[in-house]
Protein backbone atom coordinates (compact mmCIF):
# COMPACT_ATOMS: atom_id res chain seq x y z
CA MET A 1 108.15 115.26 79.29
CA ASN A 2 111.09 113.13 80.02
CA GLN A 3 114.52 113.62 78.65
CA HIS A 4 117.44 111.29 78.96
CA ALA A 5 120.74 110.90 77.10
CA THR A 6 121.37 107.89 75.00
CA GLY A 7 124.63 106.63 73.50
CA PRO A 8 125.69 107.76 69.96
CA THR A 9 123.71 106.07 67.07
CA GLY A 10 125.42 107.67 64.11
CA PRO A 11 123.79 110.18 61.87
CA THR A 12 120.59 111.73 63.26
CA ALA A 13 118.47 109.98 60.73
CA ASP A 14 119.69 106.65 62.00
CA ALA A 15 118.77 107.73 65.65
CA ALA A 16 115.07 107.15 64.88
CA THR A 17 115.67 103.76 63.30
CA ALA A 18 117.83 102.76 66.24
CA TYR A 19 115.26 103.83 68.63
CA LEU A 20 112.49 101.55 66.94
CA THR A 21 114.89 98.67 67.04
CA SER A 22 115.34 99.04 70.80
CA LEU A 23 111.58 99.52 71.34
CA GLN A 24 110.98 96.32 69.53
CA ALA A 25 113.42 94.45 71.91
CA ARG A 26 111.68 96.00 75.03
CA LEU A 27 108.18 94.99 73.59
CA THR A 28 109.40 91.32 72.98
CA ALA A 29 111.13 91.19 76.47
CA ASP A 30 107.76 92.13 77.90
CA ARG A 31 106.15 89.35 76.11
CA CYS A 32 104.21 91.39 73.71
CA THR A 33 103.09 90.14 70.21
CA VAL A 34 105.19 92.19 67.79
CA THR A 35 104.11 92.53 64.16
CA SER A 36 104.24 95.38 61.52
CA SER A 37 102.13 97.36 59.13
CA GLN A 38 102.25 100.25 56.83
CA TRP A 39 100.96 103.89 57.41
CA ASN A 40 101.53 106.51 54.61
CA ASP A 41 104.48 104.58 53.26
CA HIS A 42 106.15 104.31 56.54
CA PRO A 43 106.67 100.90 58.17
CA VAL A 44 105.08 100.67 61.73
CA LEU A 45 105.96 98.64 64.51
CA ILE A 46 103.08 97.06 66.39
CA GLY A 47 103.19 95.67 69.76
CA SER A 48 100.27 94.12 71.71
CA ARG A 49 99.36 92.29 74.92
CA ALA A 50 96.38 91.64 76.94
CA ASP A 51 96.16 91.60 80.85
CA ARG A 52 93.34 90.86 83.01
CA LYS A 53 93.70 91.75 86.76
CA VAL A 54 91.35 91.33 89.83
CA ARG A 55 91.53 95.12 90.63
CA TRP A 56 89.98 95.77 87.23
CA PHE A 57 87.05 93.65 88.31
CA GLY A 58 88.11 90.99 85.65
CA THR A 59 88.28 93.49 82.73
CA LYS A 60 90.54 92.58 79.94
CA ALA A 61 92.87 95.62 79.04
CA GLN A 62 94.36 95.22 75.71
CA LEU A 63 97.38 97.46 75.13
CA PHE A 64 98.60 98.22 71.55
CA VAL A 65 101.80 100.01 70.79
CA PHE A 66 102.10 101.62 67.35
CA ALA A 67 105.55 103.31 66.38
CA ALA A 68 106.80 104.81 63.31
CA ALA A 69 109.88 106.78 62.32
CA VAL A 70 109.09 109.78 60.17
CA PRO A 71 111.23 112.65 58.80
CA GLU A 72 109.37 115.10 60.97
CA VAL A 73 106.54 115.12 63.49
CA ASP A 74 104.06 117.97 63.12
CA LEU A 75 100.40 118.31 64.52
CA ASN A 76 98.77 116.99 61.55
CA ALA A 77 100.89 113.94 61.20
CA LEU A 78 100.68 112.95 64.95
CA GLY A 79 96.75 113.48 64.73
CA GLU A 80 96.51 111.37 61.49
CA PHE A 81 98.69 108.69 62.91
CA SER A 82 96.88 108.51 66.29
CA ALA A 83 93.45 108.34 64.51
CA TRP A 84 94.92 105.50 62.28
CA ALA A 85 96.33 103.74 65.06
CA MET A 86 93.09 103.90 67.06
CA ARG A 87 91.15 102.47 64.07
CA TYR A 88 93.63 99.76 63.54
CA ALA A 89 93.53 98.72 67.15
CA LYS A 90 89.67 98.72 67.10
CA ASN A 91 89.96 96.10 64.28
CA LEU A 92 92.52 93.94 66.10
CA ARG A 93 91.07 93.75 69.56
CA GLY A 94 89.35 90.86 70.71
CA GLY A 95 86.34 90.32 72.77
CA ILE A 96 83.16 92.40 72.65
CA PRO A 97 83.65 96.04 73.02
CA GLY A 98 82.34 97.35 76.59
CA ALA A 99 81.85 93.69 77.87
CA ARG A 100 84.79 93.86 80.33
CA ASN A 101 87.12 94.66 77.43
CA ALA A 102 89.08 97.87 77.08
CA ALA A 103 91.74 98.80 74.39
CA LEU A 104 94.46 101.26 75.22
CA VAL A 105 96.57 102.57 72.39
CA LEU A 106 99.97 104.12 72.55
CA PRO A 107 100.59 105.67 68.95
CA ALA A 108 104.24 107.10 68.88
CA LEU A 109 105.98 108.98 66.00
CA VAL A 110 109.66 109.11 66.30
CA SER A 111 111.79 111.54 64.38
CA THR A 112 114.88 113.80 64.69
CA ARG A 113 112.43 116.84 64.27
CA VAL A 114 109.49 117.07 66.36
CA HIS A 115 107.47 120.25 66.03
CA PRO A 116 106.48 121.88 69.42
CA GLU A 117 102.80 122.11 68.92
CA ALA A 118 102.84 118.23 68.22
CA SER A 119 104.53 117.58 71.61
CA GLN A 120 102.13 120.06 73.28
CA TRP A 121 99.12 118.20 71.64
CA ALA A 122 100.39 114.94 72.78
CA ALA A 123 100.92 116.11 76.44
CA GLN A 124 97.29 117.77 76.70
CA ASP A 125 95.28 114.71 77.17
CA ALA A 126 94.17 111.29 76.18
CA ARG A 127 91.90 110.78 73.39
CA ILE A 128 88.93 108.47 73.37
CA LEU A 129 87.17 106.58 70.41
CA ASP A 130 83.80 104.98 71.35
CA THR A 131 83.89 104.50 75.18
CA THR A 132 86.29 101.58 75.12
CA LEU A 133 89.41 102.71 73.25
CA ILE A 134 91.68 105.20 74.95
CA SER A 135 94.70 106.67 73.25
CA ARG A 136 97.64 108.37 74.62
CA PRO A 137 99.84 109.74 71.68
CA LEU A 138 103.62 110.14 71.89
CA THR A 139 106.13 112.10 70.40
CA ILE A 140 109.88 110.89 70.43
CA GLU A 141 112.46 113.30 69.38
CA THR A 142 115.87 111.41 68.85
CA THR A 143 119.29 112.73 68.28
CA PRO A 144 122.59 110.79 68.79
CA THR A 145 122.94 112.22 72.27
CA THR A 146 119.39 112.80 73.56
CA THR A 147 115.71 111.33 73.41
CA ARG A 148 112.85 113.38 74.46
CA THR A 149 109.50 111.50 74.93
CA THR A 150 106.24 113.47 75.48
CA MET A 151 102.91 111.95 76.24
CA TYR A 152 99.86 112.78 78.52
CA ARG A 153 100.55 111.17 82.04
CA GLY A 154 97.51 112.42 83.85
CA ARG A 155 94.42 110.62 84.79
CA ILE A 156 91.33 110.36 82.67
CA ALA A 157 87.71 109.91 83.61
CA TRP A 158 86.78 107.12 81.25
CA GLY A 159 89.07 104.23 81.67
CA GLY A 160 90.96 105.66 84.78
CA MET A 161 91.37 102.26 86.39
CA PHE A 162 93.96 101.60 83.63
CA THR A 163 95.99 104.61 84.06
CA GLY A 164 98.69 103.24 86.27
CA HIS A 165 99.03 100.14 84.03
CA VAL A 166 99.27 102.22 80.77
CA LEU A 167 101.67 104.53 82.41
CA GLU A 168 103.89 101.76 83.71
CA LYS A 169 103.96 100.06 80.23
CA ALA A 170 104.69 103.40 78.60
CA ALA A 171 107.62 104.06 80.85
CA LEU A 172 109.06 100.57 80.21
CA TYR A 173 108.61 100.85 76.25
CA PHE A 174 109.51 104.49 75.83
CA PRO A 175 112.24 105.20 78.62
């Protein structure tokens, strides 16, 4: 879990909205394609990019970021949002799954109220759908003075060669 102070952003409900605005700027600065969608009546910010590196043996890694501000993050909401984001990314990704194409998903729920069990679930492990879609859910608790980001930062057996890349991008997008 990372914790850092941020400048005042007004009432606590505005802190989550301000966080999404700054996230959009970070995604755009990293040359991600930025779009939006809806999940359970909440606007969702979507960022995506594709990278191909020699050290990955020419495999294309598509990274998808899904972020939504919600009144509170509980275990049920984070699980539902992560599953929705993985299905959405599965439909968006290009190329033939498994044919040197991998999709990495960072589903993030942002709120002023994050239940401890939701943060614990996010920190436990990555989630895998099929064998080429890997998700690392995040909780972001925002207040006018502090932001707490929780995600799994360990290695995984399947898709492990992308761990450094996805953690580097997560640190850039979710400081």
